[in-house]
Protein backbone atom coordinates (compact mmCIF):
# COMPACT_ATOMS: atom_id res chain seq x y z
CA TYR A 1 46.24 36.00 23.46
CA GLU A 2 43.27 38.41 22.59
CA LYS A 3 45.59 41.43 21.67
CA HIS A 4 48.10 39.30 19.78
CA LEU A 5 45.18 37.36 17.59
CA LYS A 6 43.57 41.26 17.15
CA ILE A 7 47.36 42.25 15.71
CA LEU A 8 47.80 39.15 13.26
CA GLY A 9 44.64 39.21 11.97
CA ASN A 10 44.56 37.08 8.60
CA ARG A 11 48.54 36.82 8.93
CA ASN A 12 50.33 33.87 10.31
CA SER A 13 53.24 35.95 11.98
CA TYR A 14 53.61 39.68 13.14
CA SER A 15 57.04 41.56 14.47
CA LYS A 16 56.98 43.09 17.49
CA THR A 17 58.79 46.04 16.57
CA ASP A 18 56.96 46.27 13.54
CA PRO A 19 53.36 44.85 14.14
CA ASP A 20 52.26 45.93 10.50
CA ALA A 21 55.45 43.58 9.01
CA THR A 22 54.96 39.93 8.47
CA PHE A 23 58.21 37.17 8.93
CA MET A 24 59.08 36.43 5.62
CA ARG A 25 61.83 34.81 3.60
CA LEU A 26 63.80 37.14 1.50
CA LYS A 27 66.72 36.86 -1.01
CA ASP A 28 69.40 37.99 1.16
CA ASP A 29 69.85 35.02 3.37
CA HIS A 30 73.37 35.39 4.16
CA MET A 31 73.17 32.24 6.50
CA GLN A 32 71.78 30.02 3.71
CA ASN A 33 69.16 28.54 5.93
CA GLY A 34 65.89 30.09 4.79
CA GLN A 35 65.59 32.83 7.78
CA LEU A 36 62.39 34.73 8.51
CA LYS A 37 62.90 38.27 8.56
CA PRO A 38 59.75 41.26 9.05
CA ALA A 39 59.20 42.72 5.53
CA TYR A 40 56.40 43.83 3.62
CA ASN A 41 55.89 42.94 -0.17
CA LEU A 42 56.04 45.92 -2.50
CA GLN A 43 54.19 45.49 -5.69
CA ILE A 44 55.08 48.24 -7.89
CA GLY A 45 53.62 49.37 -11.50
CA THR A 46 55.98 50.74 -14.23
CA GLU A 47 55.69 52.87 -18.04
CA ASN A 48 58.38 53.35 -19.51
CA GLN A 49 60.35 53.26 -16.27
CA PHE A 50 58.45 55.43 -14.23
CA ILE A 51 57.05 54.27 -11.06
CA THR A 52 52.88 54.81 -11.64
CA HIS A 53 51.54 52.97 -8.45
CA PHE A 54 52.60 50.75 -5.33
CA ASP A 55 51.40 49.07 -2.73
CA PHE A 56 51.96 47.16 0.28
CA PHE A 57 50.97 43.75 1.10
CA SER A 58 51.64 40.99 4.15
CA ASN A 59 51.59 37.72 1.83
CA PRO A 60 54.25 36.66 0.54
CA THR A 61 53.15 35.13 -2.79
CA ASP A 62 51.86 37.68 -5.62
CA PHE A 63 48.65 35.31 -6.31
CA LEU A 64 47.02 37.59 -3.99
CA THR A 65 48.06 41.12 -4.37
CA PHE A 66 46.77 41.20 -7.93
CA LYS A 67 43.29 42.12 -7.18
CA PRO A 68 44.06 45.12 -4.87
CA PHE A 69 47.07 46.25 -6.44
CA VAL A 70 44.85 46.82 -9.89
CA ASN A 71 41.95 48.03 -8.18
CA GLY A 72 44.50 50.51 -5.63
CA PHE A 73 45.71 51.58 -9.30
CA ARG A 74 42.19 52.74 -10.91
CA GLU A 75 41.64 54.34 -7.09
CA ARG A 76 44.72 56.58 -7.88
CA PHE A 77 44.11 57.54 -11.33
CA SER A 78 40.03 57.43 -11.35
CA GLY A 79 40.04 61.61 -9.65
CA ASN A 80 43.08 62.75 -11.47
CA PHE A 81 43.66 61.54 -15.24
CA ASP A 82 41.70 60.64 -17.54
CA THR A 83 43.23 56.85 -17.69
CA VAL A 84 41.99 53.68 -18.93
CA LEU A 85 43.32 50.67 -17.72
CA ASN A 86 43.32 48.43 -20.82
CA SER A 87 45.54 45.77 -20.41
CA VAL A 88 48.35 44.66 -18.09
CA VAL A 89 51.48 42.73 -18.87
CA ALA A 90 53.36 40.65 -15.59
CA ASP A 91 54.91 37.53 -15.31
CA SER A 92 53.43 33.90 -14.51
CA GLY A 93 53.62 35.06 -10.25
CA TYR A 94 49.99 36.57 -11.21
CA GLY A 95 48.47 34.22 -13.46
CA SER A 96 46.11 32.09 -11.66
CA GLU A 97 42.57 31.62 -12.48
CA GLU A 98 41.24 34.35 -10.15
CA ASN A 99 43.49 37.09 -11.38
CA TYR A 100 42.26 35.56 -15.04
CA ASP A 101 38.36 35.84 -13.85
CA PHE A 102 38.73 39.13 -12.52
CA MET A 103 40.34 40.74 -15.85
CA GLU A 104 37.52 39.22 -18.03
CA LEU A 105 35.44 41.03 -15.78
CA ASN A 106 36.43 44.18 -15.67
CA GLU A 107 37.74 43.98 -20.07
CA ILE A 108 41.54 44.22 -19.52
CA GLU A 109 43.52 42.45 -21.74
CA PRO A 110 45.79 39.78 -19.82
CA PHE A 111 49.47 39.82 -21.04
CA VAL A 112 49.60 37.58 -17.62
CA LYS A 113 52.02 34.56 -18.07
CA PHE A 114 50.89 31.56 -16.53
CA PRO A 115 53.31 28.99 -14.44
CA TYR A 116 54.68 26.65 -16.79
CA PHE A 117 54.12 28.59 -19.66
CA HIS A 118 57.49 28.68 -21.50
CA LYS A 119 58.25 24.57 -20.71
CA GLU A 120 54.42 24.31 -23.00
CA GLN A 121 57.20 26.19 -25.39
CA LYS A 122 59.41 23.40 -26.09
CA LYS A 123 59.39 20.16 -28.13
CA ALA A 124 59.47 17.94 -25.28
CA PHE A 125 56.31 18.98 -23.84
CA LYS A 126 54.94 19.34 -27.20
CA ASN A 127 55.54 16.38 -27.82
CA ASN A 128 54.90 14.12 -24.64
CA ALA A 129 51.35 12.61 -25.42
CA PHE A 130 51.09 10.90 -21.90
CA ILE A 131 50.57 14.97 -20.74
CA ALA A 132 46.85 15.28 -19.35
CA GLN A 133 46.77 19.16 -21.30
CA ASN A 134 47.89 16.96 -24.67
CA LEU A 135 45.53 14.28 -24.74
CA PHE A 136 42.50 15.06 -26.77
CA TYR A 137 39.03 16.18 -25.41
CA ASN A 138 35.71 15.75 -26.79
CA SER A 139 34.03 19.35 -25.63
CA GLN A 140 30.73 18.06 -27.21
CA LYS A 141 30.69 14.44 -25.11
CA ASP A 142 32.60 15.70 -22.19
CA TYR A 143 35.12 12.80 -22.63
CA PHE A 144 39.46 12.27 -23.01
CA VAL A 145 41.19 10.14 -25.24
CA CYS A 146 44.33 8.16 -24.14
CA PRO A 147 47.27 7.33 -26.47
CA MET A 148 45.90 3.77 -26.68
CA GLY A 149 42.52 5.20 -28.05
CA GLN A 150 40.53 3.97 -24.67
CA HIS A 151 37.95 6.97 -23.94
CA MET A 152 38.37 8.44 -20.17
CA GLU A 153 35.12 9.58 -19.14
CA LYS A 154 33.82 11.90 -16.57
CA THR A 155 33.22 10.41 -13.11
CA GLY A 156 32.68 13.74 -10.72
CA GLU A 157 33.37 17.17 -9.81
CA GLY A 158 35.14 19.06 -7.24
CA SER A 159 35.78 22.32 -6.27
CA ARG A 160 39.21 24.48 -4.49
CA LYS A 161 39.51 27.05 -1.83
CA SER A 162 42.03 29.17 -2.35
CA ASP A 163 43.79 31.09 0.68
CA SER A 164 41.26 33.90 -0.67
CA GLY A 165 37.88 32.25 -0.36
CA PHE A 166 38.30 32.05 -4.48
CA ILE A 167 36.50 28.52 -5.15
CA SER A 168 37.77 26.89 -8.48
CA LYS A 169 35.68 24.04 -9.91
CA VAL A 170 37.55 20.80 -11.50
CA SER A 171 36.27 17.92 -13.03
CA TYR A 172 37.49 14.25 -12.71
CA TYR A 173 37.98 11.76 -15.28
CA GLU A 174 39.03 7.97 -15.60
CA ALA A 175 40.16 5.07 -17.71
CA LYS A 176 37.77 2.39 -18.47
CA ASN A 177 40.33 -0.31 -18.02
CA CYS A 178 43.91 -0.04 -17.86
CA LYS A 179 45.11 -3.17 -17.03
CA GLY A 180 47.28 -5.03 -19.38
CA CYS A 181 47.89 -1.46 -21.17
CA PRO A 182 51.65 -1.61 -22.90
CA LEU A 183 51.80 2.22 -22.70
CA LYS A 184 51.12 1.88 -18.93
CA GLY A 185 55.01 2.32 -18.00
CA LEU A 186 54.99 5.87 -19.50
CA CYS A 187 51.35 6.84 -18.73
CA TYR A 188 51.40 6.99 -15.13
CA ASN A 189 52.22 4.87 -12.21
CA ALA A 190 49.89 4.54 -9.37
CA LYS A 191 47.54 1.98 -9.05
CA GLY A 192 44.54 1.24 -11.00
CA ASN A 193 43.47 3.06 -13.43
CA ARG A 194 44.29 6.54 -15.01
CA ARG A 195 42.32 9.72 -13.25
CA ILE A 196 42.88 13.12 -14.41
CA GLU A 197 41.78 16.64 -12.88
CA VAL A 198 41.32 18.98 -15.15
CA ASN A 199 40.07 22.89 -14.33
CA HIS A 200 38.05 23.67 -17.77
CA ASN A 201 38.06 27.57 -16.82
CA LEU A 202 41.32 28.38 -16.29
CA ASN A 203 42.31 25.69 -19.32
CA ARG A 204 39.98 28.08 -21.03
CA HIS A 205 41.71 31.43 -19.80
CA LYS A 206 45.17 29.85 -20.56
CA GLU A 207 44.01 29.40 -24.34
CA ARG A 208 43.35 33.21 -24.61
CA VAL A 209 46.92 34.31 -22.57
CA ARG A 210 48.73 31.88 -25.03
CA GLN A 211 46.81 33.43 -28.26
CA LEU A 212 47.58 36.95 -27.05
CA LEU A 213 51.45 36.37 -25.55
CA THR A 214 52.45 34.54 -28.93
CA SER A 215 51.28 37.54 -30.73
CA LYS A 216 52.91 40.05 -32.34
CA GLU A 217 52.12 42.55 -29.43
CA GLY A 218 52.42 39.88 -27.20
CA LEU A 219 55.78 39.20 -27.92
CA TYR A 220 56.53 43.14 -27.65
CA HIS A 221 55.13 43.16 -24.27
CA ARG A 222 56.79 40.12 -23.54
CA SER A 223 60.19 41.80 -24.40
CA LYS A 224 59.26 44.69 -22.48
CA ARG A 225 58.43 43.42 -19.35
CA PRO A 226 61.88 42.46 -17.82
CA ILE A 227 63.03 46.24 -18.51
CA GLU A 228 60.22 47.59 -17.00
CA PRO A 229 59.41 46.53 -13.28
CA GLU A 230 62.86 44.52 -12.72
CA SER A 231 65.13 47.87 -14.03
CA VAL A 232 63.66 49.97 -11.33
CA PHE A 233 63.75 47.53 -8.69
CA GLY A 234 67.43 47.34 -9.89
CA GLN A 235 68.31 51.08 -10.15
CA GLY A 236 66.61 51.62 -6.08
CA LYS A 237 68.02 48.32 -4.76
CA SER A 238 71.82 48.62 -6.65
CA ASN A 239 72.18 52.17 -7.78
CA LYS A 240 70.08 54.17 -5.01
CA GLN A 241 71.00 51.70 -2.36
CA TYR A 242 67.21 51.74 -1.22
CA TYR A 243 67.46 47.94 0.82
CA ARG A 244 65.47 48.62 3.73
CA PHE A 245 62.86 51.12 5.06
CA ARG A 246 63.68 53.65 7.41
CA HIS A 247 60.55 53.93 9.41
CA PHE A 248 58.24 51.21 11.06
CA GLY A 249 54.35 50.96 10.81
CA LYS A 250 52.77 50.66 6.81
CA ASP A 251 52.02 54.32 7.10
CA LEU A 252 54.98 55.76 7.70
CA ILE A 253 56.54 53.47 5.00
CA THR A 254 54.13 53.99 2.48
CA MET A 255 55.29 57.75 3.04
CA ASP A 256 58.88 56.92 2.39
CA PHE A 257 58.37 54.91 -0.46
CA ALA A 258 55.85 57.84 -1.88
CA ILE A 259 59.11 59.94 -1.71
CA PHE A 260 62.01 57.71 -3.15
CA ALA A 261 59.37 57.42 -5.89
CA ILE A 262 59.12 61.21 -6.31
CA ALA A 263 62.60 61.50 -6.57
CA PHE A 264 63.22 58.40 -9.00
CA ASN A 265 60.55 59.68 -11.29
CA MET A 266 61.77 63.35 -11.19
CA GLY A 267 65.25 61.76 -11.74
CA LYS A 268 63.97 59.75 -14.50
CA MET A 269 62.71 62.78 -16.42
CA TYR A 270 65.54 64.64 -16.35
CA ASN A 271 67.80 61.64 -17.68
CA LYS A 272 65.18 61.40 -20.43
CA GLY A 273 65.68 64.96 -21.27
CA LYS A 274 62.20 66.27 -20.60
CA ILE A 275 63.60 68.59 -17.98
CA THR A 276 67.37 70.33 -19.40
CA PRO A 277 69.81 72.36 -17.38
CA LYS A 278 69.93 75.23 -20.08
CA ASN A 279 67.05 76.33 -19.40
CA SER A 280 66.87 76.79 -15.50
CA GLN A 281 63.95 79.10 -14.77
CA LYS A 282 61.67 76.41 -16.76
CA SER A 283 63.22 73.33 -15.45
CA ALA A 284 62.92 74.59 -11.87
CA ASP A 285 59.04 75.13 -12.57
CA LEU A 286 58.58 72.03 -14.16
CA LEU A 287 60.06 70.07 -11.73
CA LYS A 288 58.08 71.91 -8.76
CA ILE A 289 54.80 71.00 -11.08
CA ASN A 290 55.46 67.42 -10.87
CA LEU A 291 56.59 67.39 -7.56
CA LEU A 292 52.95 69.19 -6.48
CA VAL A 293 51.39 66.65 -8.83
CA LEU A 294 52.76 63.70 -7.52
CA ILE A 295 52.33 64.92 -3.83
CA PHE A 296 48.57 65.78 -4.64
CA ILE A 297 48.08 61.96 -6.03
CA GLN A 298 49.49 60.46 -2.80
CA ASN A 299 47.63 62.50 -0.53
CA HIS A 300 44.13 61.93 -2.56
CA THR A 301 45.31 58.28 -1.86
CA ILE A 302 46.78 57.00 0.91
CA ASN A 303 44.96 57.53 4.17
CA HIS A 304 47.52 58.73 6.66
CA ALA A 305 47.05 60.25 10.14
CA GLU A 306 48.09 64.29 9.93
CA THR A 307 51.37 64.35 10.91
CA THR A 308 52.11 61.44 8.43
CA ASN A 309 50.69 64.07 5.65
CA LEU A 310 52.61 66.63 6.70
CA LYS A 311 55.59 64.89 6.43
CA LEU A 312 54.46 64.03 3.02
CA ALA A 313 53.69 67.08 1.88
CA ALA A 314 57.24 68.68 3.29
């Protein structure tokens, strides 16, 4: 048991054939029964459809991968290029309070959607006066006002702890007397007075993200995001038939995908016309230079065994 627990670590499962892999629910569920398969959560960063960074994680959700992925990106380029990470564009799978705090601390503009961002833009959501988010809030006296005009005073505070150990602070508000209210059937169905739970720090982040995503720059990033990482995944899976790794163990699959990323970027450079067949010698030299640069980056950011480094350099 001690051996199994040591291999397991912070995970809840592992594969006997590949101890680094974790059982996850995948999209290719042909039996439609929620079958679990050993897998890795691959995260990639792209710029103009070039793979700039990648990493593998054992947790199936994306919330917990954001911080280590961004830190890994910085480590990858800190000693090789004069690159500054000013902004991040991502979908709602990464929009959590912990990640927003992380970006604010590191002065990164968060063009990162949060859950229900698109739902908030609909007229039905905006016109629903009973949703807690649409209630009027008096920030000076710290109370909400329900649709009937009754004050909802603060009754206490609490905390929520995520899987990563991040603690969120929440505040509780309760109406004074909802008995006999004619709008109670539309407002809520629970017994007693209505209570709401509010995370003021998260709401502050959401307000800033709304302003960024609805700005001119935000609309541009939102239009670009679906054709950035999604197209890279689509080309890798559908066009290049890269559905699964050919090795076992995190070190070896990192080498596996690193070689694929190098080949993918070289092909993208060729297709974009940066390398043309008109000047074969120049094209060959550029290919060698880009290959050496990319291998140099991989060797300085991936901590492999000696045999793995030899395979990667080959």
